[in-house]
Amino acid sequence: MKTNQIGANAGIVWRTLSAKHDKMTFGGLLIVTGLNPIDLATAIGWLAREDKVHFTEEGGKEYVSVYQECYY
């Protein structure tokens, strides 16, 4: 897998999460984005490294959401 493909997949994930304005599970992202598990995991890793996503756990499920920066 090439770095530019990981970056493109990260863009797909970021736009998906940003458009939903909500958190999603890994399984939900698999369905909505159409990416395979490896591509999705590397894309989320890319976004995590850039502090673009936030991880939470609720009810025993892990969620990913877009990290919203606020500057006052």
PDB file of N, CA and C in Angstrom:
ATOM      1  N   MET A   1       0.842  -1.170   0.000  1.00  0.00           N
ATOM      2  CA  MET A   1       0.000   0.000   0.000  1.00  0.00           C
ATOM      3  C   MET A   1       0.892   1.239   0.000  1.00  0.00           C
ATOM      4  N   LYS A   2       0.549   2.187  -0.811  1.00  0.00           N
ATOM      5  CA  LYS A   2       1.351   3.406  -0.916  1.00  0.00           C
ATOM      6  C   LYS A   2       0.826   4.479   0.025  1.00  0.00           C
ATOM      7  N   THR A   3       1.732   5.339   0.452  1.00  0.00           N
ATOM      8  CA  THR A   3       1.395   6.400   1.395  1.00  0.00           C
ATOM      9  C   THR A   3       0.293   7.298   0.866  1.00  0.00           C
ATOM     10  N   ASN A   4       0.312   7.616  -0.421  1.00  0.00           N
ATOM     11  CA  ASN A   4      -0.720   8.503  -0.950  1.00  0.00           C
ATOM     12  C   ASN A   4      -2.099   7.840  -0.927  1.00  0.00           C
ATOM     13  N   GLN A   5      -2.158   6.506  -1.018  1.00  0.00           N
ATOM     14  CA  GLN A   5      -3.441   5.814  -0.922  1.00  0.00           C
ATOM     15  C   GLN A   5      -3.963   5.842   0.515  1.00  0.00           C
ATOM     16  N   ILE A   6      -3.061   5.705   1.481  1.00  0.00           N
ATOM     17  CA  ILE A   6      -3.465   5.805   2.886  1.00  0.00           C
ATOM     18  C   ILE A   6      -4.013   7.199   3.165  1.00  0.00           C
ATOM     19  N   GLY A   7      -3.350   8.211   2.643  1.00  0.00           N
ATOM     20  CA  GLY A   7      -3.813   9.586   2.805  1.00  0.00           C
ATOM     21  C   GLY A   7      -5.164   9.814   2.158  1.00  0.00           C
ATOM     22  N   ALA A   8      -5.371   9.244   0.980  1.00  0.00           N
ATOM     23  CA  ALA A   8      -6.667   9.363   0.292  1.00  0.00           C
ATOM     24  C   ALA A   8      -7.762   8.685   1.113  1.00  0.00           C
ATOM     25  N   ASN A   9      -7.459   7.509   1.659  1.00  0.00           N
ATOM     26  CA  ASN A   9      -8.427   6.804   2.502  1.00  0.00           C
ATOM     27  C   ASN A   9      -8.718   7.590   3.776  1.00  0.00           C
ATOM     28  N   ALA A  10      -7.691   8.221   4.334  1.00  0.00           N
ATOM     29  CA  ALA A  10      -7.890   9.062   5.515  1.00  0.00           C
ATOM     30  C   ALA A  10      -8.848  10.205   5.193  1.00  0.00           C
ATOM     31  N   GLY A  11      -8.738  10.749   4.001  1.00  0.00           N
ATOM     32  CA  GLY A  11      -9.660  11.798   3.576  1.00  0.00           C
ATOM     33  C   GLY A  11     -11.090  11.291   3.497  1.00  0.00           C
ATOM     34  N   ILE A  12     -11.271  10.084   3.005  1.00  0.00           N
ATOM     35  CA  ILE A  12     -12.610   9.483   2.931  1.00  0.00           C
ATOM     36  C   ILE A  12     -13.190   9.343   4.333  1.00  0.00           C
ATOM     37  N   VAL A  13     -12.387   8.838   5.256  1.00  0.00           N
ATOM     38  CA  VAL A  13     -12.857   8.642   6.630  1.00  0.00           C
ATOM     39  C   VAL A  13     -13.166   9.984   7.280  1.00  0.00           C
ATOM     40  N   TRP A  14     -12.292  10.959   7.132  1.00  0.00           N
ATOM     41  CA  TRP A  14     -12.489  12.266   7.752  1.00  0.00           C
ATOM     42  C   TRP A  14     -13.758  12.929   7.212  1.00  0.00           C
ATOM     43  N   ARG A  15     -13.951  12.898   5.893  1.00  0.00           N
ATOM     44  CA  ARG A  15     -15.152  13.499   5.304  1.00  0.00           C
ATOM     45  C   ARG A  15     -16.415  12.779   5.770  1.00  0.00           C
ATOM     46  N   THR A  16     -16.349  11.470   5.902  1.00  0.00           N
ATOM     47  CA  THR A  16     -17.501  10.702   6.377  1.00  0.00           C
ATOM     48  C   THR A  16     -17.868  11.109   7.797  1.00  0.00           C
ATOM     49  N   LEU A  17     -16.883  11.136   8.674  1.00  0.00           N
ATOM     50  CA  LEU A  17     -17.141  11.517  10.061  1.00  0.00           C
ATOM     51  C   LEU A  17     -17.582  12.972  10.177  1.00  0.00           C
ATOM     52  N   SER A  18     -16.973  13.838   9.402  1.00  0.00           N
ATOM     53  CA  SER A  18     -17.300  15.254   9.441  1.00  0.00           C
ATOM     54  C   SER A  18     -18.728  15.496   8.954  1.00  0.00           C
ATOM     55  N   ALA A  19     -19.146  14.796   7.920  1.00  0.00           N
ATOM     56  CA  ALA A  19     -20.497  14.963   7.374  1.00  0.00           C
ATOM     57  C   ALA A  19     -21.562  14.454   8.339  1.00  0.00           C
ATOM     58  N   LYS A  20     -21.239  13.411   9.098  1.00  0.00           N
ATOM     59  CA  LYS A  20     -22.191  12.826  10.045  1.00  0.00           C
ATOM     60  C   LYS A  20     -22.344  13.691  11.295  1.00  0.00           C
ATOM     61  N   HIS A  21     -21.344  14.482  11.628  1.00  0.00           N
ATOM     62  CA  HIS A  21     -21.321  15.289  12.858  1.00  0.00           C
ATOM     63  C   HIS A  21     -21.600  14.415  14.081  1.00  0.00           C
ATOM     64  N   ASP A  22     -21.123  13.198  14.042  1.00  0.00           N
ATOM     65  CA  ASP A  22     -21.362  12.252  15.130  1.00  0.00           C
ATOM     66  C   ASP A  22     -20.239  11.234  15.166  1.00  0.00           C
ATOM     67  N   LYS A  23     -20.240  10.429  16.192  1.00  0.00           N
ATOM     68  CA  LYS A  23     -19.242   9.373  16.313  1.00  0.00           C
ATOM     69  C   LYS A  23     -19.740   8.122  15.601  1.00  0.00           C
ATOM     70  N   MET A  24     -18.791   7.276  15.196  1.00  0.00           N
ATOM     71  CA  MET A  24     -19.130   6.024  14.525  1.00  0.00           C
ATOM     72  C   MET A  24     -18.222   4.915  15.033  1.00  0.00           C
ATOM     73  N   THR A  25     -18.719   3.700  14.968  1.00  0.00           N
ATOM     74  CA  THR A  25     -17.904   2.541  15.309  1.00  0.00           C
ATOM     75  C   THR A  25     -17.062   2.155  14.104  1.00  0.00           C
ATOM     76  N   PHE A  26     -16.078   1.309  14.337  1.00  0.00           N
ATOM     77  CA  PHE A  26     -15.242   0.800  13.256  1.00  0.00           C
ATOM     78  C   PHE A  26     -16.113   0.065  12.241  1.00  0.00           C
ATOM     79  N   GLY A  27     -17.018  -0.768  12.732  1.00  0.00           N
ATOM     80  CA  GLY A  27     -17.909  -1.518  11.839  1.00  0.00           C
ATOM     81  C   GLY A  27     -18.797  -0.608  11.016  1.00  0.00           C
ATOM     82  N   GLY A  28     -19.293   0.453  11.632  1.00  0.00           N
ATOM     83  CA  GLY A  28     -20.109   1.418  10.907  1.00  0.00           C
ATOM     84  C   GLY A  28     -19.325   2.114   9.810  1.00  0.00           C
ATOM     85  N   LEU A  29     -18.078   2.470  10.134  1.00  0.00           N
ATOM     86  CA  LEU A  29     -17.215   3.104   9.129  1.00  0.00           C
ATOM     87  C   LEU A  29     -16.903   2.148   7.985  1.00  0.00           C
ATOM     88  N   LEU A  30     -16.739   0.863   8.295  1.00  0.00           N
ATOM     89  CA  LEU A  30     -16.502  -0.127   7.231  1.00  0.00           C
ATOM     90  C   LEU A  30     -17.646  -0.117   6.231  1.00  0.00           C
ATOM     91  N   ILE A  31     -18.860  -0.102   6.737  1.00  0.00           N
ATOM     92  CA  ILE A  31     -20.038  -0.146   5.872  1.00  0.00           C
ATOM     93  C   ILE A  31     -20.170   1.135   5.056  1.00  0.00           C
ATOM     94  N   VAL A  32     -20.075   2.273   5.727  1.00  0.00           N
ATOM     95  CA  VAL A  32     -20.316   3.557   5.058  1.00  0.00           C
ATOM     96  C   VAL A  32     -19.225   3.902   4.050  1.00  0.00           C
ATOM     97  N   THR A  33     -17.965   3.657   4.416  1.00  0.00           N
ATOM     98  CA  THR A  33     -16.865   4.044   3.519  1.00  0.00           C
ATOM     99  C   THR A  33     -16.609   3.025   2.421  1.00  0.00           C
ATOM    100  N   GLY A  34     -16.937   1.764   2.680  1.00  0.00           N
ATOM    101  CA  GLY A  34     -16.650   0.719   1.705  1.00  0.00           C
ATOM    102  C   GLY A  34     -15.191   0.285   1.694  1.00  0.00           C
ATOM    103  N   LEU A  35     -14.408   0.775   2.640  1.00  0.00           N
ATOM    104  CA  LEU A  35     -13.002   0.380   2.727  1.00  0.00           C
ATOM    105  C   LEU A  35     -12.905  -1.007   3.370  1.00  0.00           C
ATOM    106  N   ASN A  36     -11.823  -1.725   3.065  1.00  0.00           N
ATOM    107  CA  ASN A  36     -11.606  -3.000   3.746  1.00  0.00           C
ATOM    108  C   ASN A  36     -10.989  -2.704   5.120  1.00  0.00           C
ATOM    109  N   PRO A  37     -11.000  -3.680   6.049  1.00  0.00           N
ATOM    110  CA  PRO A  37     -10.529  -3.420   7.416  1.00  0.00           C
ATOM    111  C   PRO A  37      -9.099  -2.878   7.507  1.00  0.00           C
ATOM    112  N   ILE A  38      -8.193  -3.385   6.699  1.00  0.00           N
ATOM    113  CA  ILE A  38      -6.804  -2.902   6.747  1.00  0.00           C
ATOM    114  C   ILE A  38      -6.721  -1.452   6.281  1.00  0.00           C
ATOM    115  N   ASP A  39      -7.382  -1.136   5.173  1.00  0.00           N
ATOM    116  CA  ASP A  39      -7.369   0.241   4.668  1.00  0.00           C
ATOM    117  C   ASP A  39      -7.999   1.207   5.661  1.00  0.00           C
ATOM    118  N   LEU A  40      -9.095   0.785   6.287  1.00  0.00           N
ATOM    119  CA  LEU A  40      -9.747   1.643   7.271  1.00  0.00           C
ATOM    120  C   LEU A  40      -8.857   1.851   8.496  1.00  0.00           C
ATOM    121  N   ALA A  41      -8.236   0.790   8.976  1.00  0.00           N
ATOM    122  CA  ALA A  41      -7.361   0.897  10.145  1.00  0.00           C
ATOM    123  C   ALA A  41      -6.170   1.814   9.881  1.00  0.00           C
ATOM    124  N   THR A  42      -5.567   1.699   8.709  1.00  0.00           N
ATOM    125  CA  THR A  42      -4.424   2.570   8.404  1.00  0.00           C
ATOM    126  C   THR A  42      -4.878   4.020   8.254  1.00  0.00           C
ATOM    127  N   ALA A  43      -6.063   4.228   7.685  1.00  0.00           N
ATOM    128  CA  ALA A  43      -6.592   5.590   7.538  1.00  0.00           C
ATOM    129  C   ALA A  43      -6.868   6.208   8.905  1.00  0.00           C
ATOM    130  N   ILE A  44      -7.469   5.440   9.808  1.00  0.00           N
ATOM    131  CA  ILE A  44      -7.727   5.945  11.161  1.00  0.00           C
ATOM    132  C   ILE A  44      -6.402   6.221  11.875  1.00  0.00           C
ATOM    133  N   GLY A  45      -5.419   5.366  11.689  1.00  0.00           N
ATOM    134  CA  GLY A  45      -4.098   5.593  12.271  1.00  0.00           C
ATOM    135  C   GLY A  45      -3.468   6.879  11.775  1.00  0.00           C
ATOM    136  N   TRP A  46      -3.603   7.135  10.485  1.00  0.00           N
ATOM    137  CA  TRP A  46      -3.095   8.377   9.879  1.00  0.00           C
ATOM    138  C   TRP A  46      -3.752   9.582  10.555  1.00  0.00           C
ATOM    139  N   LEU A  47      -5.083   9.527  10.668  1.00  0.00           N
ATOM    140  CA  LEU A  47      -5.823  10.640  11.265  1.00  0.00           C
ATOM    141  C   LEU A  47      -5.490  10.804  12.747  1.00  0.00           C
ATOM    142  N   ALA A  48      -5.292   9.687  13.440  1.00  0.00           N
ATOM    143  CA  ALA A  48      -4.936   9.746  14.854  1.00  0.00           C
ATOM    144  C   ALA A  48      -3.571  10.393  15.037  1.00  0.00           C
ATOM    145  N   ARG A  49      -2.643  10.045  14.186  1.00  0.00           N
ATOM    146  CA  ARG A  49      -1.290  10.616  14.260  1.00  0.00           C
ATOM    147  C   ARG A  49      -1.313  12.126  14.055  1.00  0.00           C
ATOM    148  N   GLU A  50      -2.249  12.592  13.246  1.00  0.00           N
ATOM    149  CA  GLU A  50      -2.376  14.029  12.983  1.00  0.00           C
ATOM    150  C   GLU A  50      -3.344  14.719  13.944  1.00  0.00           C
ATOM    151  N   ASP A  51      -3.794  14.012  14.976  1.00  0.00           N
ATOM    152  CA  ASP A  51      -4.758  14.553  15.954  1.00  0.00           C
ATOM    153  C   ASP A  51      -6.037  15.057  15.287  1.00  0.00           C
ATOM    154  N   LYS A  52      -6.520  14.324  14.315  1.00  0.00           N
ATOM    155  CA  LYS A  52      -7.733  14.712  13.596  1.00  0.00           C
ATOM    156  C   LYS A  52      -8.967  13.961  14.074  1.00  0.00           C
ATOM    157  N   VAL A  53      -8.761  12.887  14.853  1.00  0.00           N
ATOM    158  CA  VAL A  53      -9.891  12.111  15.359  1.00  0.00           C
ATOM    159  C   VAL A  53      -9.770  11.919  16.863  1.00  0.00           C
ATOM    160  N   HIS A  54     -10.904  11.626  17.456  1.00  0.00           N
ATOM    161  CA  HIS A  54     -11.011  11.429  18.901  1.00  0.00           C
ATOM    162  C   HIS A  54     -11.640  10.058  19.126  1.00  0.00           C
ATOM    163  N   PHE A  55     -11.170   9.336  20.123  1.00  0.00           N
ATOM    164  CA  PHE A  55     -11.679   8.007  20.432  1.00  0.00           C
ATOM    165  C   PHE A  55     -12.408   8.030  21.771  1.00  0.00           C
ATOM    166  N   THR A  56     -13.590   7.408  21.807  1.00  0.00           N
ATOM    167  CA  THR A  56     -14.354   7.293  23.038  1.00  0.00           C
ATOM    168  C   THR A  56     -14.902   5.875  23.159  1.00  0.00           C
ATOM    169  N   GLU A  57     -15.282   5.531  24.373  1.00  0.00           N
ATOM    170  CA  GLU A  57     -15.910   4.232  24.614  1.00  0.00           C
ATOM    171  C   GLU A  57     -17.203   4.470  25.376  1.00  0.00           C
ATOM    172  N   GLU A  58     -18.288   3.898  24.861  1.00  0.00           N
ATOM    173  CA  GLU A  58     -19.583   4.019  25.518  1.00  0.00           C
ATOM    174  C   GLU A  58     -20.309   2.688  25.406  1.00  0.00           C
ATOM    175  N   GLY A  59     -20.806   2.215  26.506  1.00  0.00           N
ATOM    176  CA  GLY A  59     -21.566   0.975  26.495  1.00  0.00           C
ATOM    177  C   GLY A  59     -20.791  -0.217  25.965  1.00  0.00           C
ATOM    178  N   GLY A  60     -19.486  -0.230  26.193  1.00  0.00           N
ATOM    179  CA  GLY A  60     -18.656  -1.327  25.724  1.00  0.00           C
ATOM    180  C   GLY A  60     -18.279  -1.257  24.253  1.00  0.00           C
ATOM    181  N   LYS A  61     -18.651  -0.176  23.578  1.00  0.00           N
ATOM    182  CA  LYS A  61     -18.303   0.007  22.156  1.00  0.00           C
ATOM    183  C   LYS A  61     -17.313   1.157  22.020  1.00  0.00           C
ATOM    184  N   GLU A  62     -16.392   0.991  21.084  1.00  0.00           N
ATOM    185  CA  GLU A  62     -15.411   2.043  20.797  1.00  0.00           C
ATOM    186  C   GLU A  62     -15.913   2.883  19.625  1.00  0.00           C
ATOM    187  N   TYR A  63     -15.784   4.195  19.762  1.00  0.00           N
ATOM    188  CA  TYR A  63     -16.241   5.116  18.728  1.00  0.00           C
ATOM    189  C   TYR A  63     -15.099   6.018  18.272  1.00  0.00           C
ATOM    190  N   VAL A  64     -15.201   6.448  17.023  1.00  0.00           N
ATOM    191  CA  VAL A  64     -14.263   7.407  16.441  1.00  0.00           C
ATOM    192  C   VAL A  64     -15.081   8.621  16.015  1.00  0.00           C
ATOM    193  N   SER A  65     -14.571   9.805  16.287  1.00  0.00           N
ATOM    194  CA  SER A  65     -15.231  11.028  15.845  1.00  0.00           C
ATOM    195  C   SER A  65     -14.173  12.026  15.397  1.00  0.00           C
ATOM    196  N   VAL A  66     -14.609  13.038  14.666  1.00  0.00           N
ATOM    197  CA  VAL A  66     -13.712  14.088  14.216  1.00  0.00           C
ATOM    198  C   VAL A  66     -13.374  14.963  15.412  1.00  0.00           C
ATOM    199  N   TYR A  67     -12.101  15.236  15.574  1.00  0.00           N
ATOM    200  CA  TYR A  67     -11.649  16.112  16.647  1.00  0.00           C
ATOM    201  C   TYR A  67     -11.945  17.545  16.248  1.00  0.00           C
ATOM    202  N   GLN A  68     -12.764  18.211  17.061  1.00  0.00           N
ATOM    203  CA  GLN A  68     -13.143  19.593  16.776  1.00  0.00           C
ATOM    204  C   GLN A  68     -12.268  20.544  17.569  1.00  0.00           C
ATOM    205  N   GLU A  69     -11.477  21.320  16.863  1.00  0.00           N
ATOM    206  CA  GLU A  69     -10.624  22.295  17.523  1.00  0.00           C
ATOM    207  C   GLU A  69     -11.412  23.571  17.726  1.00  0.00           C
ATOM    208  N   CYS A  70     -11.268  24.159  18.895  1.00  0.00           N
ATOM    209  CA  CYS A  70     -11.918  25.426  19.201  1.00  0.00           C
ATOM    210  C   CYS A  70     -10.856  26.434  19.630  1.00  0.00           C
ATOM    211  N   TYR A  71     -10.819  27.519  18.940  1.00  0.00           N
ATOM    212  CA  TYR A  71      -9.893  28.586  19.294  1.00  0.00           C
ATOM    213  C   TYR A  71     -10.714  29.792  19.731  1.00  0.00           C
ATOM    214  N   TYR A  72     -10.406  30.272  20.925  1.00  0.00           N
ATOM    215  CA  TYR A  72     -11.137  31.412  21.449  1.00  0.00           C
ATOM    216  C   TYR A  72     -10.258  32.627  21.484  1.00  0.00           C
TER     217      TYR A  72
END
